[in-house]
Protein backbone atom coordinates (compact mmCIF):
# COMPACT_ATOMS: atom_id res chain seq x y z
CA MET A 1 47.24 -231.03 153.31
CA LYS A 2 50.45 -229.14 152.79
CA SER A 3 50.30 -229.79 149.12
CA MET A 4 46.79 -228.32 149.05
CA HIS A 5 48.04 -225.16 150.72
CA ARG A 6 50.82 -224.83 148.21
CA ILE A 7 48.33 -225.14 145.36
CA LEU A 8 46.00 -222.50 146.85
CA PHE A 9 48.93 -220.17 147.48
CA GLY A 10 50.17 -220.58 143.91
CA PHE A 11 46.71 -220.01 142.53
CA THR A 12 46.30 -216.82 144.60
CA ILE A 13 49.65 -215.45 143.40
CA GLY A 14 48.65 -216.19 139.81
CA VAL A 15 45.35 -214.37 140.16
CA VAL A 16 47.10 -211.30 141.64
CA PHE A 17 49.59 -211.16 138.77
CA ALA A 18 46.80 -211.62 136.23
CA VAL A 19 44.79 -208.73 137.69
CA PHE A 20 47.88 -206.50 137.77
CA PHE A 21 48.71 -207.31 134.13
CA LEU A 22 45.17 -206.60 132.98
CA ALA A 23 45.15 -203.25 134.85
CA VAL A 24 48.42 -202.19 133.20
CA CYS A 25 47.18 -203.15 129.74
CA ALA A 26 43.90 -201.29 130.27
CA ARG A 27 45.76 -198.09 131.29
CA ASP A 28 48.04 -198.28 128.22
CA THR A 29 45.00 -198.78 126.03
CA ASP A 30 43.25 -195.75 127.55
CA ASN A 31 46.39 -193.61 127.06
CA SER A 32 46.67 -194.76 123.48
CA ILE A 33 43.02 -193.93 122.81
CA ALA A 34 43.37 -190.52 124.47
CA LEU A 35 46.50 -189.82 122.42
CA GLU A 36 44.71 -190.79 119.23
CA ILE A 37 41.79 -188.50 120.18
CA ARG A 38 44.15 -185.59 120.86
CA GLU A 39 45.99 -186.21 117.59
CA SER A 40 42.67 -186.39 115.83
CA ASP A 41 41.56 -183.11 117.42
CA ALA A 42 44.85 -181.45 116.45
CA ALA A 43 44.59 -182.59 112.87
CA ASP A 44 43.55 -179.81 110.46
CA THR A 45 40.18 -180.36 109.01
CA PRO A 46 39.18 -178.42 105.90
CA ASP A 47 36.86 -176.25 107.99
CA SER A 48 39.54 -175.36 110.56
CA MET A 49 42.03 -174.54 107.79
CA ASP A 50 39.50 -172.23 106.15
CA GLN A 51 38.83 -170.50 109.46
CA ARG A 52 42.53 -170.02 110.10
CA ARG A 53 43.03 -168.63 106.59
CA GLN A 54 40.17 -166.19 107.10
CA ASN A 55 41.66 -165.02 110.40
CA GLU A 56 45.02 -164.44 108.72
CA GLN A 57 43.34 -162.48 105.91
CA ILE A 58 41.49 -160.29 108.43
CA SER A 59 44.73 -159.67 110.31
CA MET A 60 46.54 -158.77 107.07
CA SER A 61 43.70 -156.48 105.97
CA ARG A 62 44.16 -154.39 109.12
CA GLN A 63 47.80 -153.84 108.21
CA ASN A 64 47.59 -151.38 105.33
CA ALA A 65 49.75 -148.60 103.90
CA ILE A 66 48.41 -146.08 106.39
CA THR A 67 49.07 -148.18 109.50
CA ARG A 68 52.56 -148.99 108.24
CA ALA A 69 53.28 -145.32 107.56
CA VAL A 70 52.04 -144.35 111.03
CA ALA A 71 54.13 -147.06 112.70
CA HIS A 72 57.17 -145.82 110.80
CA ILE A 73 56.74 -142.10 111.51
CA SER A 74 55.18 -141.92 114.99
CA PRO A 75 58.33 -142.69 117.03
CA ALA A 76 59.93 -139.52 115.61
CA VAL A 77 56.98 -137.15 116.22
CA VAL A 78 57.31 -135.01 119.35
CA SER A 79 55.21 -132.72 121.51
CA ILE A 80 56.54 -129.20 122.12
CA ASN A 81 55.51 -127.19 125.17
CA THR A 82 56.75 -123.64 125.64
CA ARG A 83 56.79 -121.06 128.38
CA LYS A 84 56.59 -117.43 127.31
CA VAL A 85 56.39 -114.08 129.02
CA GLN A 86 53.67 -111.95 127.47
CA GLN A 87 53.26 -108.24 127.92
CA TYR A 88 49.88 -106.54 127.96
CA TYR A 89 48.29 -103.38 129.31
CA ARG A 90 45.36 -103.08 131.64
CA GLU A 91 43.43 -100.03 132.68
CA ASN A 92 44.34 -98.58 136.05
CA PRO A 93 41.26 -98.54 138.35
CA TRP A 94 42.36 -95.13 139.70
CA ALA A 95 42.57 -93.58 136.25
CA TYR A 96 39.19 -91.87 136.59
CA ASP A 97 39.59 -90.70 140.13
CA PRO A 98 39.30 -86.89 140.21
CA PHE A 99 42.44 -86.58 142.31
CA PHE A 100 44.72 -89.56 141.53
CA ARG A 101 44.24 -89.42 137.75
CA HIS A 102 46.66 -86.48 137.69
CA PHE A 103 49.44 -88.57 139.22
CA ILE A 104 49.12 -92.07 137.78
CA PRO A 105 49.12 -93.41 134.20
CA ARG A 106 45.86 -94.57 132.70
CA TYR A 107 47.24 -98.00 131.78
CA ASP A 108 49.55 -100.32 133.69
CA ARG A 109 51.97 -102.62 131.91
CA VAL A 110 51.62 -106.20 133.12
CA MET A 111 53.89 -109.16 132.44
CA ARG A 112 52.43 -112.64 132.62
CA GLU A 113 53.65 -116.12 131.86
CA VAL A 114 51.73 -118.09 129.25
CA GLN A 115 51.98 -121.67 128.06
CA GLY A 116 52.16 -122.67 124.41
CA LEU A 117 52.04 -126.01 122.64
CA GLY A 118 52.76 -127.47 119.26
CA SER A 119 54.30 -130.41 117.45
CA GLY A 120 57.56 -131.26 115.73
CA PHE A 121 59.48 -134.13 114.17
CA LEU A 122 63.02 -135.41 114.51
CA VAL A 123 65.07 -135.14 111.31
CA SER A 124 68.34 -136.61 112.54
CA LYS A 125 69.55 -139.17 115.05
CA GLU A 126 71.46 -136.36 116.78
CA GLY A 127 68.20 -134.77 117.96
CA GLN A 128 67.51 -131.98 115.45
CA ILE A 129 63.79 -131.18 115.28
CA LEU A 130 61.76 -129.26 112.71
CA THR A 131 58.75 -127.22 113.78
CA ASN A 132 56.90 -123.99 113.00
CA GLN A 133 58.59 -120.79 114.08
CA HIS A 134 55.34 -119.53 115.60
CA VAL A 135 55.38 -122.52 117.98
CA ILE A 136 58.60 -121.34 119.68
CA ASP A 137 58.37 -117.60 118.94
CA GLY A 138 59.38 -115.66 122.05
CA ALA A 139 59.65 -118.77 124.22
CA LYS A 140 61.83 -118.62 127.33
CA GLU A 141 61.72 -122.39 127.71
CA ILE A 142 61.12 -125.13 125.15
CA MET A 143 60.28 -128.60 126.44
CA VAL A 144 60.13 -131.58 124.07
CA THR A 145 58.32 -134.80 124.93
CA LEU A 146 59.08 -137.99 123.01
CA PRO A 147 56.61 -140.84 122.51
CA GLY A 148 56.72 -142.77 125.75
CA GLY A 149 56.93 -139.65 127.90
CA GLU A 150 60.67 -138.88 128.03
CA LYS A 151 61.21 -135.11 128.28
CA PHE A 152 64.08 -132.90 127.11
CA GLU A 153 64.78 -129.19 127.23
CA ALA A 154 65.51 -128.00 123.70
CA GLU A 155 67.81 -125.28 122.41
CA ARG A 156 67.28 -123.08 119.37
CA ILE A 157 69.44 -123.80 116.34
CA GLY A 158 67.79 -121.34 113.99
CA GLU A 159 64.43 -119.83 113.11
CA ASP A 160 62.94 -117.87 110.24
CA PHE A 161 59.88 -115.75 110.96
CA THR A 162 59.02 -115.14 107.30
CA SER A 163 58.76 -118.78 106.22
CA ASP A 164 57.52 -119.95 109.67
CA VAL A 165 60.18 -122.65 109.97
CA ALA A 166 62.43 -123.34 112.95
CA VAL A 167 65.04 -125.91 113.97
CA ILE A 168 65.56 -126.87 117.61
CA LYS A 169 67.72 -129.58 119.15
CA ILE A 170 67.65 -131.93 122.12
CA SER A 171 70.72 -133.54 123.67
CA GLY A 172 71.45 -137.17 122.94
CA ASP A 173 71.99 -139.48 120.02
CA GLU A 174 70.46 -142.45 118.24
CA PHE A 175 67.02 -140.84 118.19
CA PRO A 176 64.50 -142.16 115.65
CA PHE A 177 64.00 -139.75 112.76
CA VAL A 178 61.73 -139.29 109.78
CA HIS A 179 62.52 -139.50 106.08
CA LEU A 180 61.77 -136.34 104.12
CA GLY A 181 59.95 -136.88 100.84
CA ASN A 182 59.55 -134.81 97.67
CA SER A 183 56.63 -132.38 97.77
CA ASP A 184 56.94 -131.80 94.02
CA ASP A 185 55.62 -135.34 93.45
CA ILE A 186 52.40 -134.91 95.43
CA LEU A 187 49.24 -136.24 93.79
CA ILE A 188 45.91 -134.54 94.42
CA GLY A 189 43.63 -137.13 95.98
CA GLU A 190 46.37 -139.30 97.51
CA TRP A 191 46.29 -140.18 101.20
CA ALA A 192 47.50 -137.55 103.66
CA ILE A 193 48.28 -138.37 107.30
CA ALA A 194 48.57 -135.59 109.90
CA ILE A 195 50.41 -136.57 113.09
CA GLY A 196 50.88 -134.35 116.12
CA ASN A 197 49.71 -132.95 119.41
CA PRO A 198 46.20 -131.46 118.97
CA PHE A 199 44.93 -129.68 122.09
CA GLY A 200 47.82 -131.15 124.09
CA LEU A 201 46.51 -134.73 123.87
CA PHE A 202 50.08 -135.99 123.43
CA ASP A 203 50.68 -135.25 127.09
CA VAL A 204 47.70 -137.39 128.09
CA SER A 205 48.82 -140.64 126.45
CA ALA A 206 52.49 -139.85 125.65
CA GLN A 207 51.71 -140.72 122.04
CA PRO A 208 50.98 -138.53 118.99
CA THR A 209 47.50 -138.37 117.52
CA VAL A 210 46.82 -139.49 113.94
CA THR A 211 44.21 -138.17 111.51
CA VAL A 212 43.78 -139.21 107.88
CA GLY A 213 42.48 -137.43 104.80
CA VAL A 214 43.58 -136.69 101.26
CA ILE A 215 45.57 -134.04 99.46
CA SER A 216 42.85 -131.57 98.47
CA ALA A 217 44.98 -129.11 96.49
CA VAL A 218 48.55 -127.90 95.99
CA ASN A 219 50.22 -124.57 95.15
CA GLN A 220 47.82 -122.58 97.32
CA ASP A 221 49.35 -119.09 97.52
CA PHE A 222 48.41 -116.82 100.41
CA GLY A 223 51.30 -114.41 99.91
CA ARG A 224 52.56 -112.08 102.59
CA GLN A 225 50.35 -111.94 105.66
CA ASP A 226 49.60 -108.94 107.86
CA ASN A 227 52.17 -110.25 110.35
CA GLU A 228 54.80 -110.40 107.53
CA ARG A 229 54.88 -114.18 107.27
CA ILE A 230 54.77 -115.58 103.73
CA TYR A 231 52.78 -118.72 102.92
CA GLU A 232 53.21 -119.85 99.29
CA ASP A 233 52.66 -123.07 97.36
CA MET A 234 50.84 -124.49 100.38
CA ILE A 235 49.47 -128.03 100.48
CA GLN A 236 45.77 -128.23 101.30
CA THR A 237 44.37 -131.28 103.09
CA ASP A 238 41.15 -132.33 104.77
CA ALA A 239 43.03 -134.43 107.34
CA ALA A 240 41.94 -132.94 110.68
CA ILE A 241 44.47 -130.34 111.85
CA ASN A 242 43.70 -128.53 115.09
CA SER A 243 45.38 -126.26 117.61
CA GLY A 244 48.58 -127.99 118.68
CA ASN A 245 49.16 -129.74 115.33
CA SER A 246 51.31 -126.83 114.14
CA GLY A 247 54.82 -127.98 113.29
CA GLY A 248 53.84 -131.64 112.96
CA PRO A 249 54.44 -133.70 109.83
CA LEU A 250 52.04 -134.28 106.95
CA VAL A 251 52.89 -137.76 105.69
CA ASN A 252 52.06 -139.74 102.56
CA SER A 253 51.17 -143.44 102.43
CA GLU A 254 54.83 -144.32 101.85
CA GLY A 255 55.72 -143.02 105.30
CA LYS A 256 57.59 -139.96 104.00
CA VAL A 257 57.08 -136.40 105.22
CA ILE A 258 55.71 -134.21 102.42
CA GLY A 259 54.79 -131.12 104.45
CA MET A 260 54.80 -129.32 107.78
CA ASN A 261 51.34 -128.55 109.18
CA ALA A 262 51.05 -124.79 109.63
CA PHE A 263 47.52 -123.39 109.92
CA ILE A 264 43.83 -123.98 109.25
CA TYR A 265 40.75 -122.09 108.21
CA SER A 266 38.33 -122.31 111.10
CA GLY A 267 34.59 -121.96 111.18
CA SER A 268 34.72 -121.01 114.85
CA SER A 269 34.21 -117.46 116.08
CA SER A 270 35.30 -118.32 119.62
CA GLY A 271 38.98 -117.74 118.98
CA ILE A 272 39.75 -121.45 119.32
CA ALA A 273 41.00 -122.98 116.07
CA THR A 274 38.75 -125.90 115.12
CA ASN A 275 39.00 -128.00 112.00
CA ILE A 276 36.44 -127.73 109.19
CA GLY A 277 38.44 -129.68 106.62
CA LEU A 278 40.66 -126.84 105.45
CA GLY A 279 44.20 -127.41 106.69
CA PHE A 280 47.41 -126.19 105.10
CA ALA A 281 50.99 -127.42 105.24
CA ILE A 282 54.29 -125.93 104.08
CA PRO A 283 55.77 -128.08 101.27
CA ILE A 284 58.67 -130.11 102.61
CA ASN A 285 60.96 -129.07 99.73
CA ARG A 286 60.62 -125.45 100.86
CA VAL A 287 61.18 -126.53 104.47
CA LYS A 288 64.36 -128.39 103.46
CA ASP A 289 65.74 -125.29 101.74
CA VAL A 290 65.08 -123.14 104.80
CA MET A 291 66.48 -125.82 107.13
CA THR A 292 69.75 -125.83 105.18
CA ASP A 293 70.18 -122.10 105.83
CA LEU A 294 69.16 -122.41 109.47
CA LEU A 295 71.65 -125.19 110.14
CA LYS A 296 74.40 -123.27 108.37
CA HIS A 297 73.70 -119.67 109.37
CA GLY A 298 71.05 -119.81 112.10
CA ALA A 299 68.89 -117.58 109.91
CA VAL A 300 67.83 -117.16 106.28
CA PRO A 301 69.75 -114.48 104.34
CA ARG A 302 67.23 -112.16 102.67
CA ASP A 303 69.36 -109.36 101.31
CA PHE A 304 69.70 -110.79 97.80
CA TRP A 305 67.85 -107.91 96.12
CA THR A 306 70.22 -105.29 97.54
CA GLY A 307 72.79 -106.15 94.86
CA ILE A 308 70.78 -104.60 92.05
CA GLN A 309 69.02 -101.28 91.35
CA TYR A 310 66.43 -100.73 88.63
CA GLN A 311 63.80 -98.29 87.41
CA ASP A 312 60.93 -98.03 84.95
CA ILE A 313 61.58 -97.48 81.25
CA THR A 314 60.40 -94.17 79.86
CA SER A 315 59.71 -93.52 76.21
CA VAL A 316 63.01 -91.64 75.96
CA ILE A 317 64.96 -94.61 77.38
CA ALA A 318 63.10 -96.98 75.07
CA PHE A 319 64.03 -94.80 72.07
CA PHE A 320 67.66 -94.64 73.17
CA LEU A 321 67.81 -98.46 73.55
CA ASN A 322 65.98 -99.08 70.26
CA MET A 323 63.08 -100.76 72.01
CA ASN A 324 59.57 -100.92 70.61
CA SER A 325 57.84 -100.58 74.00
CA THR A 326 58.43 -99.45 77.55
CA ASP A 327 57.86 -102.92 79.04
CA GLY A 328 60.49 -104.11 81.50
CA VAL A 329 62.84 -102.44 83.97
CA ILE A 330 66.27 -101.05 83.22
CA ILE A 331 69.19 -101.88 85.51
CA THR A 332 70.79 -98.74 86.90
CA ASP A 333 73.37 -100.31 89.21
CA VAL A 334 74.86 -103.76 89.89
CA GLU A 335 76.80 -104.39 93.08
CA ARG A 336 80.21 -105.83 92.41
CA ASN A 337 80.65 -109.54 93.26
CA SER A 338 76.92 -109.88 93.95
CA PRO A 339 74.95 -112.81 92.47
CA TRP A 340 73.60 -110.39 89.86
CA ASP A 341 77.11 -109.36 88.86
CA GLU A 342 78.28 -112.97 88.69
CA ALA A 343 75.31 -113.75 86.40
CA GLY A 344 76.72 -111.24 83.90
CA LEU A 345 74.13 -108.49 84.30
CA GLU A 346 75.23 -104.99 83.39
CA ILE A 347 73.97 -101.42 83.72
CA GLU A 348 71.44 -100.59 80.95
CA ASP A 349 70.35 -104.22 80.65
CA VAL A 350 66.56 -104.51 80.53
CA ILE A 351 64.84 -107.28 82.50
CA LEU A 352 61.80 -108.52 80.56
CA ARG A 353 60.95 -111.66 82.53
CA ILE A 354 61.84 -113.22 85.86
CA GLU A 355 61.18 -116.94 85.78
CA ASP A 356 57.76 -117.17 84.09
CA ILE A 357 56.60 -113.72 85.26
CA GLU A 358 56.44 -111.01 82.61
CA ILE A 359 57.90 -107.72 83.85
CA ARG A 360 56.13 -104.62 82.59
CA SER A 361 57.25 -102.17 85.27
CA SER A 362 59.04 -101.91 88.60
CA LYS A 363 55.73 -102.71 90.33
CA ASN A 364 55.94 -106.25 88.93
CA VAL A 365 59.44 -106.67 90.36
CA ASP A 366 58.42 -105.25 93.75
CA ALA A 367 55.44 -107.61 93.89
CA LEU A 368 57.72 -110.52 92.99
CA LYS A 369 60.13 -109.57 95.75
CA GLU A 370 57.26 -109.75 98.21
CA ARG A 371 56.14 -113.10 96.85
CA LEU A 372 59.46 -114.90 96.46
CA THR A 373 61.29 -116.30 99.48
CA LEU A 374 64.80 -116.63 98.17
CA HIS A 375 67.35 -118.66 100.08
CA SER A 376 70.93 -119.76 99.75
CA GLY A 377 71.19 -122.09 96.75
CA ALA A 378 68.12 -120.68 95.00
CA GLU A 379 68.21 -119.69 91.34
CA LEU A 380 66.35 -117.14 89.24
CA GLU A 381 66.19 -117.28 85.45
CA LEU A 382 65.96 -113.86 83.82
CA THR A 383 65.11 -112.88 80.26
CA VAL A 384 67.22 -109.83 79.42
CA TYR A 385 67.35 -107.37 76.52
CA ARG A 386 70.77 -105.98 75.56
CA ASN A 387 71.91 -104.33 72.32
CA ARG A 388 68.83 -105.41 70.37
CA ARG A 389 69.29 -109.03 71.41
CA ILE A 390 67.49 -111.26 73.89
CA TYR A 391 69.45 -113.57 76.15
CA ARG A 392 68.94 -115.49 79.38
CA ALA A 393 70.80 -115.00 82.64
CA LEU A 394 70.82 -117.43 85.57
CA VAL A 395 71.25 -115.74 88.94
CA LYS A 396 72.51 -118.12 91.63
CA PHE A 397 72.24 -117.08 95.29
């Protein structure tokens, strides 16, 4: 009987171990199958590889020259907000009173504070910013906002009303800054990217706004304006430029600044500047020349023509100088140590050409003086008649 119990006990223990072993083996088999399924799912099939390749191509196609240029330039584009005090006159309500009109002026002078806005771009890691002069003209306070929303109060470094260029500065260092290109290499029809603060939208998102177009034309001369500003050799673009874009950069597809947005032709009669595809930017090479003077002198020297005096040639003067015509102007005085003197010009020399402009009378020279915006480092090539010979003189300012 005892032996029977031992046998049953041993048999029971064997069955338990057998069941446990089978359960373990089954679990390992399931894990192995699941692993094989996962490995199979992870394996790249031709279809999945094609899909992945297409996704990569789509992603790459979104990254083009324009998006790269914008990503490169945008961190250095700033919003400029100004506070100005404006003076105006309003009619006194008592001016027509039969009694009081004898004692009070007809108009009252009123001072009011106005807000202005514009754009600019950092040109050095030390915080120097280029913008239009009309953006900061008369401002009591100049506030600069960087992408991201950080604000700084800016100080004037220099400004030039005539060329409409100004340099301001914010305190700090290691700021992002743009790379200035060469506006002489512009191609008509190439991409043009305008970045700035139209209608103050920069302050809404703390990021500059981007519009894209092409270079429509170059060397657009508007000459001296009624307000005495001079806009010459302007770049025309159909990239949308609106109120608030003034002073912002015009950028090419290489991410280099080729111009400073200045003004537009508007089809609106409401007084609000709206874009109709005719925007104009100051060539960056001209801006660089003006910036050099502003950083060095705080202003642009414009007294270069005071070193020389001239007059028209009469028939008597032409006869005396053995000239066949009265074309040109005769020099009557040269200031000592002036650029004209250092170029070798003398009294009784006759200027026949200045650069590629033929000089027939003093009116041509006066018109050229109005048109040219000379600056420190500029040069003028003159064609001069002296003692029956023609020679060239290079005047360096």
